[in-house]
């Protein structure tokens, strides 16, 4: 059984930065596994923010490309560095990982960007 716990969310003004972190109870952040960050804004469906399989296999949503950086494909924690934040980035951010045939989700951390 694997548990994921996000941290680092909070309130920040537009243009600011935040670093989200996801800690796992087991060794799941390993090269070859699929790991990523998703977000869900009020009244909207959950969407992919960034996904990583290895340090050379990374994809970002068009809306965050160039501003966000995902890391931790083979580390103790999965991180999401968010720079140049915009009000439209406001959402609950979720950590996700796939190991074998199982998918794991964290409880989410709130990110609010003021204008």
PDB file of N, CA and C in Angstrom:
ATOM      1  N   UNK A   1       0.829  -1.175   0.000  1.00  0.00           N
ATOM      2  CA  UNK A   1       0.000   0.000   0.000  1.00  0.00           C
ATOM      3  C   UNK A   1       0.882   1.251   0.000  1.00  0.00           C
ATOM      4  N   UNK A   2       0.583   2.181  -0.912  1.00  0.00           N
ATOM      5  CA  UNK A   2       1.337   3.416  -1.051  1.00  0.00           C
ATOM      6  C   UNK A   2       0.430   4.608  -0.785  1.00  0.00           C
ATOM      7  N   UNK A   3       0.934   5.566  -0.015  1.00  0.00           N
ATOM      8  CA  UNK A   3       0.205   6.803   0.242  1.00  0.00           C
ATOM      9  C   UNK A   3       1.029   7.992  -0.235  1.00  0.00           C
ATOM     10  N   UNK A   4       0.350   8.964  -0.859  1.00  0.00           N
ATOM     11  CA  UNK A   4       0.993  10.171  -1.346  1.00  0.00           C
ATOM     12  C   UNK A   4       0.444  11.367  -0.585  1.00  0.00           C
ATOM     13  N   UNK A   5       1.334  12.267  -0.158  1.00  0.00           N
ATOM     14  CA  UNK A   5       0.933  13.445   0.594  1.00  0.00           C
ATOM     15  C   UNK A   5       1.584  14.683  -0.002  1.00  0.00           C
ATOM     16  N   UNK A   6       0.743  15.622  -0.490  1.00  0.00           N
ATOM     17  CA  UNK A   6       1.245  16.863  -1.068  1.00  0.00           C
ATOM     18  C   UNK A   6       1.426  17.931   0.001  1.00  0.00           C
ATOM     19  N   UNK A   7       2.333  18.865  -0.261  1.00  0.00           N
ATOM     20  CA  UNK A   7       2.548  20.003   0.615  1.00  0.00           C
ATOM     21  C   UNK A   7       3.115  21.158  -0.201  1.00  0.00           C
ATOM     22  N   UNK A   8       3.085  22.363   0.354  1.00  0.00           N
ATOM     23  CA  UNK A   8       3.669  23.517  -0.303  1.00  0.00           C
ATOM     24  C   UNK A   8       2.684  24.495  -0.895  1.00  0.00           C
ATOM     25  N   UNK A   9       1.407  24.167  -0.876  1.00  0.00           N
ATOM     26  CA  UNK A   9       0.406  25.071  -1.410  1.00  0.00           C
ATOM     27  C   UNK A   9       0.226  26.279  -0.511  1.00  0.00           C
ATOM     28  N   UNK A  10      -0.478  27.279  -1.028  1.00  0.00           N
ATOM     29  CA  UNK A  10      -0.713  28.481  -0.253  1.00  0.00           C
ATOM     30  C   UNK A  10      -1.229  29.613  -1.102  1.00  0.00           C
ATOM     31  N   UNK A  11      -1.205  30.812  -0.539  1.00  0.00           N
ATOM     32  CA  UNK A  11      -1.655  32.019  -1.227  1.00  0.00           C
ATOM     33  C   UNK A  11      -0.447  32.824  -1.678  1.00  0.00           C
ATOM     34  N   UNK A  12      -0.434  33.202  -2.949  1.00  0.00           N
ATOM     35  CA  UNK A  12       0.670  33.973  -3.502  1.00  0.00           C
ATOM     36  C   UNK A  12       0.122  34.984  -4.507  1.00  0.00           C
ATOM     37  N   UNK A  13       0.804  36.113  -4.636  1.00  0.00           N
ATOM     38  CA  UNK A  13       0.366  37.118  -5.597  1.00  0.00           C
ATOM     39  C   UNK A  13       0.830  36.759  -7.002  1.00  0.00           C
ATOM     40  N   UNK A  14       0.143  37.278  -7.997  1.00  0.00           N
ATOM     41  CA  UNK A  14       0.499  37.019  -9.385  1.00  0.00           C
ATOM     42  C   UNK A  14       1.958  37.373  -9.636  1.00  0.00           C
ATOM     43  N   UNK A  15       2.647  36.493 -10.367  1.00  0.00           N
ATOM     44  CA  UNK A  15       4.054  36.695 -10.654  1.00  0.00           C
ATOM     45  C   UNK A  15       4.974  36.020  -9.659  1.00  0.00           C
ATOM     46  N   UNK A  16       4.416  35.535  -8.565  1.00  0.00           N
ATOM     47  CA  UNK A  16       5.197  34.881  -7.538  1.00  0.00           C
ATOM     48  C   UNK A  16       5.473  33.424  -7.847  1.00  0.00           C
ATOM     49  N   UNK A  17       6.101  32.738  -6.887  1.00  0.00           N
ATOM     50  CA  UNK A  17       6.479  31.341  -7.069  1.00  0.00           C
ATOM     51  C   UNK A  17       6.086  30.482  -5.881  1.00  0.00           C
ATOM     52  N   UNK A  18       5.873  29.204  -6.148  1.00  0.00           N
ATOM     53  CA  UNK A  18       5.609  28.213  -5.121  1.00  0.00           C
ATOM     54  C   UNK A  18       6.262  26.911  -5.543  1.00  0.00           C
ATOM     55  N   UNK A  19       6.647  26.105  -4.573  1.00  0.00           N
ATOM     56  CA  UNK A  19       7.217  24.802  -4.848  1.00  0.00           C
ATOM     57  C   UNK A  19       6.381  23.753  -4.126  1.00  0.00           C
ATOM     58  N   UNK A  20       5.754  22.869  -4.888  1.00  0.00           N
ATOM     59  CA  UNK A  20       4.955  21.801  -4.326  1.00  0.00           C
ATOM     60  C   UNK A  20       5.807  20.546  -4.184  1.00  0.00           C
ATOM     61  N   UNK A  21       5.518  19.767  -3.157  1.00  0.00           N
ATOM     62  CA  UNK A  21       6.253  18.543  -2.924  1.00  0.00           C
ATOM     63  C   UNK A  21       5.281  17.413  -2.610  1.00  0.00           C
ATOM     64  N   UNK A  22       5.612  16.223  -3.062  1.00  0.00           N
ATOM     65  CA  UNK A  22       4.785  15.043  -2.824  1.00  0.00           C
ATOM     66  C   UNK A  22       5.649  13.949  -2.214  1.00  0.00           C
ATOM     67  N   UNK A  23       5.315  13.563  -0.996  1.00  0.00           N
ATOM     68  CA  UNK A  23       6.052  12.511  -0.304  1.00  0.00           C
ATOM     69  C   UNK A  23       5.292  11.195  -0.399  1.00  0.00           C
ATOM     70  N   UNK A  24       6.012  10.117  -0.624  1.00  0.00           N
ATOM     71  CA  UNK A  24       5.410   8.796  -0.742  1.00  0.00           C
ATOM     72  C   UNK A  24       5.843   7.903   0.413  1.00  0.00           C
ATOM     73  N   UNK A  25       4.928   7.048   0.851  1.00  0.00           N
ATOM     74  CA  UNK A  25       5.238   6.128   1.938  1.00  0.00           C
ATOM     75  C   UNK A  25       6.110   4.969   1.470  1.00  0.00           C
ATOM     76  N   UNK A  26       6.150   4.741   0.157  1.00  0.00           N
ATOM     77  CA  UNK A  26       6.960   3.693  -0.418  1.00  0.00           C
ATOM     78  C   UNK A  26       7.860   4.220  -1.513  1.00  0.00           C
ATOM     79  N   UNK A  27       8.725   3.365  -2.028  1.00  0.00           N
ATOM     80  CA  UNK A  27       9.638   3.739  -3.104  1.00  0.00           C
ATOM     81  C   UNK A  27       8.911   3.636  -4.437  1.00  0.00           C
ATOM     82  N   UNK A  28       8.241   4.722  -4.816  1.00  0.00           N
ATOM     83  CA  UNK A  28       7.458   4.736  -6.042  1.00  0.00           C
ATOM     84  C   UNK A  28       8.002   5.711  -7.079  1.00  0.00           C
ATOM     85  N   UNK A  29       8.776   6.710  -6.641  1.00  0.00           N
ATOM     86  CA  UNK A  29       9.335   7.685  -7.581  1.00  0.00           C
ATOM     87  C   UNK A  29      10.621   7.116  -8.179  1.00  0.00           C
ATOM     88  N   UNK A  30      10.433   6.268  -9.192  1.00  0.00           N
ATOM     89  CA  UNK A  30      11.519   5.547  -9.824  1.00  0.00           C
ATOM     90  C   UNK A  30      11.455   5.724 -11.336  1.00  0.00           C
ATOM     91  N   UNK A  31      12.615   5.877 -11.962  1.00  0.00           N
ATOM     92  CA  UNK A  31      12.655   5.988 -13.417  1.00  0.00           C
ATOM     93  C   UNK A  31      11.934   4.816 -14.059  1.00  0.00           C
ATOM     94  N   UNK A  32      11.047   5.138 -15.003  1.00  0.00           N
ATOM     95  CA  UNK A  32      10.273   4.104 -15.664  1.00  0.00           C
ATOM     96  C   UNK A  32       8.818   4.120 -15.243  1.00  0.00           C
ATOM     97  N   UNK A  33       8.561   4.532 -14.013  1.00  0.00           N
ATOM     98  CA  UNK A  33       7.190   4.703 -13.548  1.00  0.00           C
ATOM     99  C   UNK A  33       6.639   6.004 -14.126  1.00  0.00           C
ATOM    100  N   UNK A  34       5.319   6.123 -14.159  1.00  0.00           N
ATOM    101  CA  UNK A  34       4.682   7.344 -14.613  1.00  0.00           C
ATOM    102  C   UNK A  34       4.262   8.155 -13.398  1.00  0.00           C
ATOM    103  N   UNK A  35       4.746   9.382 -13.316  1.00  0.00           N
ATOM    104  CA  UNK A  35       4.464  10.253 -12.185  1.00  0.00           C
ATOM    105  C   UNK A  35       4.054  11.625 -12.692  1.00  0.00           C
ATOM    106  N   UNK A  36       3.203  12.312 -11.945  1.00  0.00           N
ATOM    107  CA  UNK A  36       2.790  13.611 -12.430  1.00  0.00           C
ATOM    108  C   UNK A  36       2.000  14.444 -11.449  1.00  0.00           C
ATOM    109  N   UNK A  37       1.679  15.650 -11.899  1.00  0.00           N
ATOM    110  CA  UNK A  37       0.869  16.587 -11.143  1.00  0.00           C
ATOM    111  C   UNK A  37      -0.368  16.939 -11.954  1.00  0.00           C
ATOM    112  N   UNK A  38      -1.509  16.983 -11.289  1.00  0.00           N
ATOM    113  CA  UNK A  38      -2.777  17.359 -11.884  1.00  0.00           C
ATOM    114  C   UNK A  38      -3.373  18.477 -11.053  1.00  0.00           C
ATOM    115  N   UNK A  39      -4.359  19.185 -11.616  1.00  0.00           N
ATOM    116  CA  UNK A  39      -5.023  20.227 -10.852  1.00  0.00           C
ATOM    117  C   UNK A  39      -6.496  20.272 -11.207  1.00  0.00           C
ATOM    118  N   UNK A  40      -7.292  20.784 -10.273  1.00  0.00           N
ATOM    119  CA  UNK A  40      -8.719  20.905 -10.478  1.00  0.00           C
ATOM    120  C   UNK A  40      -9.214  22.222  -9.895  1.00  0.00           C
ATOM    121  N   UNK A  41      -9.751  23.064 -10.751  1.00  0.00           N
ATOM    122  CA  UNK A  41     -10.321  24.339 -10.332  1.00  0.00           C
ATOM    123  C   UNK A  41     -11.809  24.154 -10.048  1.00  0.00           C
ATOM    124  N   UNK A  42     -12.411  25.033  -9.246  1.00  0.00           N
ATOM    125  CA  UNK A  42     -13.838  24.917  -8.932  1.00  0.00           C
ATOM    126  C   UNK A  42     -14.696  24.863 -10.191  1.00  0.00           C
ATOM    127  N   UNK A  43     -15.584  23.875 -10.263  1.00  0.00           N
ATOM    128  CA  UNK A  43     -16.480  23.746 -11.401  1.00  0.00           C
ATOM    129  C   UNK A  43     -15.853  23.177 -12.657  1.00  0.00           C
ATOM    130  N   UNK A  44     -14.598  22.751 -12.579  1.00  0.00           N
ATOM    131  CA  UNK A  44     -13.910  22.203 -13.743  1.00  0.00           C
ATOM    132  C   UNK A  44     -13.401  20.796 -13.477  1.00  0.00           C
ATOM    133  N   UNK A  45     -13.104  20.073 -14.559  1.00  0.00           N
ATOM    134  CA  UNK A  45     -12.575  18.719 -14.439  1.00  0.00           C
ATOM    135  C   UNK A  45     -11.089  18.748 -14.111  1.00  0.00           C
ATOM    136  N   UNK A  46     -10.613  17.673 -13.520  1.00  0.00           N
ATOM    137  CA  UNK A  46      -9.200  17.564 -13.216  1.00  0.00           C
ATOM    138  C   UNK A  46      -8.399  17.485 -14.514  1.00  0.00           C
ATOM    139  N   UNK A  47      -7.304  18.228 -14.593  1.00  0.00           N
ATOM    140  CA  UNK A  47      -6.493  18.259 -15.792  1.00  0.00           C
ATOM    141  C   UNK A  47      -5.023  17.998 -15.494  1.00  0.00           C
ATOM    142  N   UNK A  48      -4.338  17.471 -16.486  1.00  0.00           N
ATOM    143  CA  UNK A  48      -2.917  17.193 -16.358  1.00  0.00           C
ATOM    144  C   UNK A  48      -2.118  18.487 -16.395  1.00  0.00           C
ATOM    145  N   UNK A  49      -1.164  18.626 -15.480  1.00  0.00           N
ATOM    146  CA  UNK A  49      -0.271  19.780 -15.440  1.00  0.00           C
ATOM    147  C   UNK A  49       1.094  19.390 -15.999  1.00  0.00           C
ATOM    148  N   UNK A  50       1.649  18.308 -15.485  1.00  0.00           N
ATOM    149  CA  UNK A  50       2.954  17.829 -15.930  1.00  0.00           C
ATOM    150  C   UNK A  50       3.091  16.355 -15.615  1.00  0.00           C
ATOM    151  N   UNK A  51       3.788  15.629 -16.492  1.00  0.00           N
ATOM    152  CA  UNK A  51       3.999  14.206 -16.292  1.00  0.00           C
ATOM    153  C   UNK A  51       5.450  13.866 -16.605  1.00  0.00           C
ATOM    154  N   UNK A  52       6.004  12.937 -15.835  1.00  0.00           N
ATOM    155  CA  UNK A  52       7.404  12.562 -16.000  1.00  0.00           C
ATOM    156  C   UNK A  52       7.572  11.049 -15.874  1.00  0.00           C
ATOM    157  N   UNK A  53       8.355  10.481 -16.793  1.00  0.00           N
ATOM    158  CA  UNK A  53       8.709   9.066 -16.755  1.00  0.00           C
ATOM    159  C   UNK A  53      10.192   8.897 -16.423  1.00  0.00           C
ATOM    160  N   UNK A  54      10.982   9.884 -16.798  1.00  0.00           N
ATOM    161  CA  UNK A  54      12.403   9.946 -16.520  1.00  0.00           C
ATOM    162  C   UNK A  54      12.818  11.395 -16.726  1.00  0.00           C
ATOM    163  N   UNK A  55      14.072  11.712 -16.424  1.00  0.00           N
ATOM    164  CA  UNK A  55      14.542  13.083 -16.592  1.00  0.00           C
ATOM    165  C   UNK A  55      14.577  13.516 -18.049  1.00  0.00           C
ATOM    166  N   UNK A  56      14.481  12.572 -18.973  1.00  0.00           N
ATOM    167  CA  UNK A  56      14.491  12.894 -20.394  1.00  0.00           C
ATOM    168  C   UNK A  56      13.146  12.642 -21.058  1.00  0.00           C
ATOM    169  N   UNK A  57      12.137  12.313 -20.273  1.00  0.00           N
ATOM    170  CA  UNK A  57      10.794  12.073 -20.793  1.00  0.00           C
ATOM    171  C   UNK A  57       9.797  12.841 -19.937  1.00  0.00           C
ATOM    172  N   UNK A  58       9.562  14.097 -20.320  1.00  0.00           N
ATOM    173  CA  UNK A  58       8.703  14.999 -19.559  1.00  0.00           C
ATOM    174  C   UNK A  58       7.756  15.736 -20.492  1.00  0.00           C
ATOM    175  N   UNK A  59       6.513  15.896 -20.070  1.00  0.00           N
ATOM    176  CA  UNK A  59       5.534  16.648 -20.847  1.00  0.00           C
ATOM    177  C   UNK A  59       4.770  17.604 -19.941  1.00  0.00           C
ATOM    178  N   UNK A  60       4.462  18.788 -20.463  1.00  0.00           N
ATOM    179  CA  UNK A  60       3.726  19.804 -19.726  1.00  0.00           C
ATOM    180  C   UNK A  60       2.469  20.222 -20.473  1.00  0.00           C
ATOM    181  N   UNK A  61       1.470  20.650 -19.724  1.00  0.00           N
ATOM    182  CA  UNK A  61       0.296  21.240 -20.340  1.00  0.00           C
ATOM    183  C   UNK A  61       0.727  22.539 -21.011  1.00  0.00           C
ATOM    184  N   UNK A  62       0.097  22.880 -22.123  1.00  0.00           N
ATOM    185  CA  UNK A  62       0.468  24.089 -22.852  1.00  0.00           C
ATOM    186  C   UNK A  62       0.349  25.341 -21.988  1.00  0.00           C
ATOM    187  N   UNK A  63      -0.597  25.344 -21.062  1.00  0.00           N
ATOM    188  CA  UNK A  63      -0.843  26.511 -20.236  1.00  0.00           C
ATOM    189  C   UNK A  63       0.258  26.791 -19.211  1.00  0.00           C
ATOM    190  N   UNK A  64       1.088  25.784 -18.897  1.00  0.00           N
ATOM    191  CA  UNK A  64       2.132  25.963 -17.884  1.00  0.00           C
ATOM    192  C   UNK A  64       3.541  25.807 -18.434  1.00  0.00           C
ATOM    193  N   UNK A  65       3.663  25.383 -19.676  1.00  0.00           N
ATOM    194  CA  UNK A  65       4.970  25.150 -20.279  1.00  0.00           C
ATOM    195  C   UNK A  65       5.809  26.428 -20.254  1.00  0.00           C
ATOM    196  N   UNK A  66       7.045  26.298 -19.771  1.00  0.00           N
ATOM    197  CA  UNK A  66       7.939  27.439 -19.669  1.00  0.00           C
ATOM    198  C   UNK A  66       7.894  28.111 -18.312  1.00  0.00           C
ATOM    199  N   UNK A  67       6.883  27.796 -17.507  1.00  0.00           N
ATOM    200  CA  UNK A  67       6.740  28.398 -16.181  1.00  0.00           C
ATOM    201  C   UNK A  67       6.897  27.376 -15.056  1.00  0.00           C
ATOM    202  N   UNK A  68       6.448  26.142 -15.297  1.00  0.00           N
ATOM    203  CA  UNK A  68       6.506  25.089 -14.284  1.00  0.00           C
ATOM    204  C   UNK A  68       7.594  24.080 -14.628  1.00  0.00           C
ATOM    205  N   UNK A  69       8.173  23.459 -13.593  1.00  0.00           N
ATOM    206  CA  UNK A  69       9.178  22.427 -13.779  1.00  0.00           C
ATOM    207  C   UNK A  69       8.900  21.262 -12.839  1.00  0.00           C
ATOM    208  N   UNK A  70       8.774  20.065 -13.400  1.00  0.00           N
ATOM    209  CA  UNK A  70       8.547  18.871 -12.602  1.00  0.00           C
ATOM    210  C   UNK A  70       9.875  18.138 -12.440  1.00  0.00           C
ATOM    211  N   UNK A  71      10.101  17.544 -11.275  1.00  0.00           N
ATOM    212  CA  UNK A  71      11.324  16.801 -11.015  1.00  0.00           C
ATOM    213  C   UNK A  71      11.068  15.735  -9.960  1.00  0.00           C
ATOM    214  N   UNK A  72      11.971  14.763  -9.894  1.00  0.00           N
ATOM    215  CA  UNK A  72      11.843  13.707  -8.904  1.00  0.00           C
ATOM    216  C   UNK A  72      11.504  12.345  -9.489  1.00  0.00           C
ATOM    217  N   UNK A  73      11.858  12.112 -10.750  1.00  0.00           N
ATOM    218  CA  UNK A  73      11.568  10.826 -11.385  1.00  0.00           C
ATOM    219  C   UNK A  73      12.290   9.673 -10.678  1.00  0.00           C
ATOM    220  N   UNK A  74      13.384   9.981 -10.046  1.00  0.00           N
ATOM    221  CA  UNK A  74      14.138   8.976  -9.300  1.00  0.00           C
ATOM    222  C   UNK A  74      14.672   9.616  -8.021  1.00  0.00           C
ATOM    223  N   UNK A  75      13.729  10.040  -7.168  1.00  0.00           N
ATOM    224  CA  UNK A  75      14.075  10.718  -5.922  1.00  0.00           C
ATOM    225  C   UNK A  75      13.080  10.346  -4.826  1.00  0.00           C
ATOM    226  N   UNK A  76      13.319  10.876  -3.636  1.00  0.00           N
ATOM    227  CA  UNK A  76      12.445  10.582  -2.507  1.00  0.00           C
ATOM    228  C   UNK A  76      11.115  11.329  -2.594  1.00  0.00           C
ATOM    229  N   UNK A  77      11.131  12.480  -3.269  1.00  0.00           N
ATOM    230  CA  UNK A  77       9.924  13.283  -3.400  1.00  0.00           C
ATOM    231  C   UNK A  77       9.731  13.770  -4.826  1.00  0.00           C
ATOM    232  N   UNK A  78       8.477  13.874  -5.244  1.00  0.00           N
ATOM    233  CA  UNK A  78       8.123  14.441  -6.536  1.00  0.00           C
ATOM    234  C   UNK A  78       7.820  15.914  -6.311  1.00  0.00           C
ATOM    235  N   UNK A  79       8.448  16.789  -7.095  1.00  0.00           N
ATOM    236  CA  UNK A  79       8.287  18.224  -6.898  1.00  0.00           C
ATOM    237  C   UNK A  79       7.743  18.924  -8.131  1.00  0.00           C
ATOM    238  N   UNK A  80       7.132  20.071  -7.900  1.00  0.00           N
ATOM    239  CA  UNK A  80       6.643  20.928  -8.978  1.00  0.00           C
ATOM    240  C   UNK A  80       7.005  22.360  -8.621  1.00  0.00           C
ATOM    241  N   UNK A  81       7.980  22.916  -9.327  1.00  0.00           N
ATOM    242  CA  UNK A  81       8.369  24.307  -9.138  1.00  0.00           C
ATOM    243  C   UNK A  81       7.495  25.163 -10.039  1.00  0.00           C
ATOM    244  N   UNK A  82       6.771  26.107  -9.456  1.00  0.00           N
ATOM    245  CA  UNK A  82       5.847  26.945 -10.200  1.00  0.00           C
ATOM    246  C   UNK A  82       6.310  28.396 -10.125  1.00  0.00           C
ATOM    247  N   UNK A  83       6.670  28.955 -11.268  1.00  0.00           N
ATOM    248  CA  UNK A  83       7.118  30.335 -11.356  1.00  0.00           C
ATOM    249  C   UNK A  83       6.149  31.153 -12.199  1.00  0.00           C
ATOM    250  N   UNK A  84       6.239  32.468 -12.073  1.00  0.00           N
ATOM    251  CA  UNK A  84       5.386  33.388 -12.837  1.00  0.00           C
ATOM    252  C   UNK A  84       3.919  32.983 -12.749  1.00  0.00           C
ATOM    253  N   UNK A  85       3.460  32.744 -11.546  1.00  0.00           N
ATOM    254  CA  UNK A  85       2.099  32.271 -11.335  1.00  0.00           C
ATOM    255  C   UNK A  85       1.059  33.294 -11.774  1.00  0.00           C
ATOM    256  N   UNK A  86      -0.041  32.774 -12.304  1.00  0.00           N
ATOM    257  CA  UNK A  86      -1.151  33.585 -12.782  1.00  0.00           C
ATOM    258  C   UNK A  86      -2.417  33.226 -12.018  1.00  0.00           C
ATOM    259  N   UNK A  87      -3.385  34.137 -11.938  1.00  0.00           N
ATOM    260  CA  UNK A  87      -4.644  33.830 -11.245  1.00  0.00           C
ATOM    261  C   UNK A  87      -5.316  32.566 -11.782  1.00  0.00           C
ATOM    262  N   UNK A  88      -5.192  32.299 -13.068  1.00  0.00           N
ATOM    263  CA  UNK A  88      -5.792  31.113 -13.659  1.00  0.00           C
ATOM    264  C   UNK A  88      -5.123  29.808 -13.228  1.00  0.00           C
ATOM    265  N   UNK A  89      -4.007  29.900 -12.510  1.00  0.00           N
ATOM    266  CA  UNK A  89      -3.352  28.714 -11.963  1.00  0.00           C
ATOM    267  C   UNK A  89      -4.007  28.267 -10.660  1.00  0.00           C
ATOM    268  N   UNK A  90      -4.917  29.069 -10.138  1.00  0.00           N
ATOM    269  CA  UNK A  90      -5.602  28.748  -8.889  1.00  0.00           C
ATOM    270  C   UNK A  90      -6.370  27.442  -9.021  1.00  0.00           C
ATOM    271  N   UNK A  91      -6.076  26.494  -8.136  1.00  0.00           N
ATOM    272  CA  UNK A  91      -6.703  25.178  -8.181  1.00  0.00           C
ATOM    273  C   UNK A  91      -6.170  24.323  -7.040  1.00  0.00           C
ATOM    274  N   UNK A  92      -6.766  23.150  -6.870  1.00  0.00           N
ATOM    275  CA  UNK A  92      -6.221  22.153  -5.963  1.00  0.00           C
ATOM    276  C   UNK A  92      -5.292  21.283  -6.797  1.00  0.00           C
ATOM    277  N   UNK A  93      -4.058  21.138  -6.349  1.00  0.00           N
ATOM    278  CA  UNK A  93      -3.067  20.370  -7.084  1.00  0.00           C
ATOM    279  C   UNK A  93      -2.893  18.988  -6.462  1.00  0.00           C
ATOM    280  N   UNK A  94      -2.916  17.957  -7.316  1.00  0.00           N
ATOM    281  CA  UNK A  94      -2.832  16.574  -6.877  1.00  0.00           C
ATOM    282  C   UNK A  94      -1.583  15.884  -7.406  1.00  0.00           C
ATOM    283  N   UNK A  95      -0.965  15.098  -6.560  1.00  0.00           N
ATOM    284  CA  UNK A  95       0.162  14.259  -6.936  1.00  0.00           C
ATOM    285  C   UNK A  95      -0.371  12.915  -7.410  1.00  0.00           C
ATOM    286  N   UNK A  96       0.240  12.362  -8.452  1.00  0.00           N
ATOM    287  CA  UNK A  96      -0.204  11.093  -9.012  1.00  0.00           C
ATOM    288  C   UNK A  96       0.984  10.217  -9.380  1.00  0.00           C
ATOM    289  N   UNK A  97       0.817   8.907  -9.205  1.00  0.00           N
ATOM    290  CA  UNK A  97       1.861   7.969  -9.596  1.00  0.00           C
ATOM    291  C   UNK A  97       1.236   6.645  -9.994  1.00  0.00           C
ATOM    292  N   UNK A  98       1.839   6.003 -10.987  1.00  0.00           N
ATOM    293  CA  UNK A  98       1.380   4.697 -11.450  1.00  0.00           C
ATOM    294  C   UNK A  98       2.510   3.699 -11.279  1.00  0.00           C
ATOM    295  N   UNK A  99       2.227   2.628 -10.585  1.00  0.00           N
ATOM    296  CA  UNK A  99       3.207   1.566 -10.365  1.00  0.00           C
ATOM    297  C   UNK A  99       2.545   0.242 -10.697  1.00  0.00           C
ATOM    298  N   UNK A 100       3.050  -0.418 -11.736  1.00  0.00           N
ATOM    299  CA  UNK A 100       2.437  -1.657 -12.176  1.00  0.00           C
ATOM    300  C   UNK A 100       1.051  -1.382 -12.713  1.00  0.00           C
ATOM    301  N   UNK A 101       0.052  -2.028 -12.142  1.00  0.00           N
ATOM    302  CA  UNK A 101      -1.329  -1.849 -12.571  1.00  0.00           C
ATOM    303  C   UNK A 101      -2.115  -0.928 -11.650  1.00  0.00           C
ATOM    304  N   UNK A 102      -1.452  -0.328 -10.672  1.00  0.00           N
ATOM    305  CA  UNK A 102      -2.133   0.514  -9.699  1.00  0.00           C
ATOM    306  C   UNK A 102      -1.830   1.997  -9.881  1.00  0.00           C
ATOM    307  N   UNK A 103      -2.857   2.825  -9.624  1.00  0.00           N
ATOM    308  CA  UNK A 103      -2.733   4.270  -9.698  1.00  0.00           C
ATOM    309  C   UNK A 103      -2.960   4.858  -8.312  1.00  0.00           C
ATOM    310  N   UNK A 104      -2.081   5.772  -7.907  1.00  0.00           N
ATOM    311  CA  UNK A 104      -2.165   6.389  -6.589  1.00  0.00           C
ATOM    312  C   UNK A 104      -2.369   7.894  -6.702  1.00  0.00           C
ATOM    313  N   UNK A 105      -3.168   8.443  -5.781  1.00  0.00           N
ATOM    314  CA  UNK A 105      -3.449   9.879  -5.738  1.00  0.00           C
ATOM    315  C   UNK A 105      -3.241  10.420  -4.332  1.00  0.00           C
ATOM    316  N   UNK A 106      -2.766  11.653  -4.252  1.00  0.00           N
ATOM    317  CA  UNK A 106      -2.671  12.341  -2.977  1.00  0.00           C
ATOM    318  C   UNK A 106      -3.991  13.024  -2.682  1.00  0.00           C
ATOM    319  N   UNK A 107      -4.085  13.676  -1.526  1.00  0.00           N
ATOM    320  CA  UNK A 107      -5.331  14.333  -1.123  1.00  0.00           C
ATOM    321  C   UNK A 107      -5.479  15.736  -1.707  1.00  0.00           C
ATOM    322  N   UNK A 108      -4.404  16.279  -2.245  1.00  0.00           N
ATOM    323  CA  UNK A 108      -4.436  17.589  -2.870  1.00  0.00           C
ATOM    324  C   UNK A 108      -3.958  18.704  -1.961  1.00  0.00           C
ATOM    325  N   UNK A 109      -3.424  19.766  -2.557  1.00  0.00           N
ATOM    326  CA  UNK A 109      -3.001  20.948  -1.823  1.00  0.00           C
ATOM    327  C   UNK A 109      -3.489  22.185  -2.580  1.00  0.00           C
ATOM    328  N   UNK A 110      -4.056  23.137  -1.851  1.00  0.00           N
ATOM    329  CA  UNK A 110      -4.662  24.319  -2.471  1.00  0.00           C
ATOM    330  C   UNK A 110      -3.617  25.357  -2.857  1.00  0.00           C
ATOM    331  N   UNK A 111      -3.715  25.833  -4.091  1.00  0.00           N
ATOM    332  CA  UNK A 111      -2.877  26.924  -4.574  1.00  0.00           C
ATOM    333  C   UNK A 111      -3.798  28.055  -5.011  1.00  0.00           C
ATOM    334  N   UNK A 112      -3.623  29.228  -4.414  1.00  0.00           N
ATOM    335  CA  UNK A 112      -4.440  30.383  -4.751  1.00  0.00           C
ATOM    336  C   UNK A 112      -3.539  31.540  -5.168  1.00  0.00           C
ATOM    337  N   UNK A 113      -3.777  32.063  -6.360  1.00  0.00           N
ATOM    338  CA  UNK A 113      -2.977  33.162  -6.891  1.00  0.00           C
ATOM    339  C   UNK A 113      -3.853  34.405  -7.000  1.00  0.00           C
ATOM    340  N   UNK A 114      -3.498  35.445  -6.279  1.00  0.00           N
ATOM    341  CA  UNK A 114      -4.269  36.675  -6.283  1.00  0.00           C
ATOM    342  C   UNK A 114      -3.829  37.579  -7.433  1.00  0.00           C
ATOM    343  N   UNK A 115      -4.755  38.372  -7.936  1.00  0.00           N
ATOM    344  CA  UNK A 115      -4.467  39.268  -9.045  1.00  0.00           C
ATOM    345  C   UNK A 115      -3.979  40.620  -8.560  1.00  0.00           C
TER     346      UNK A 115
END
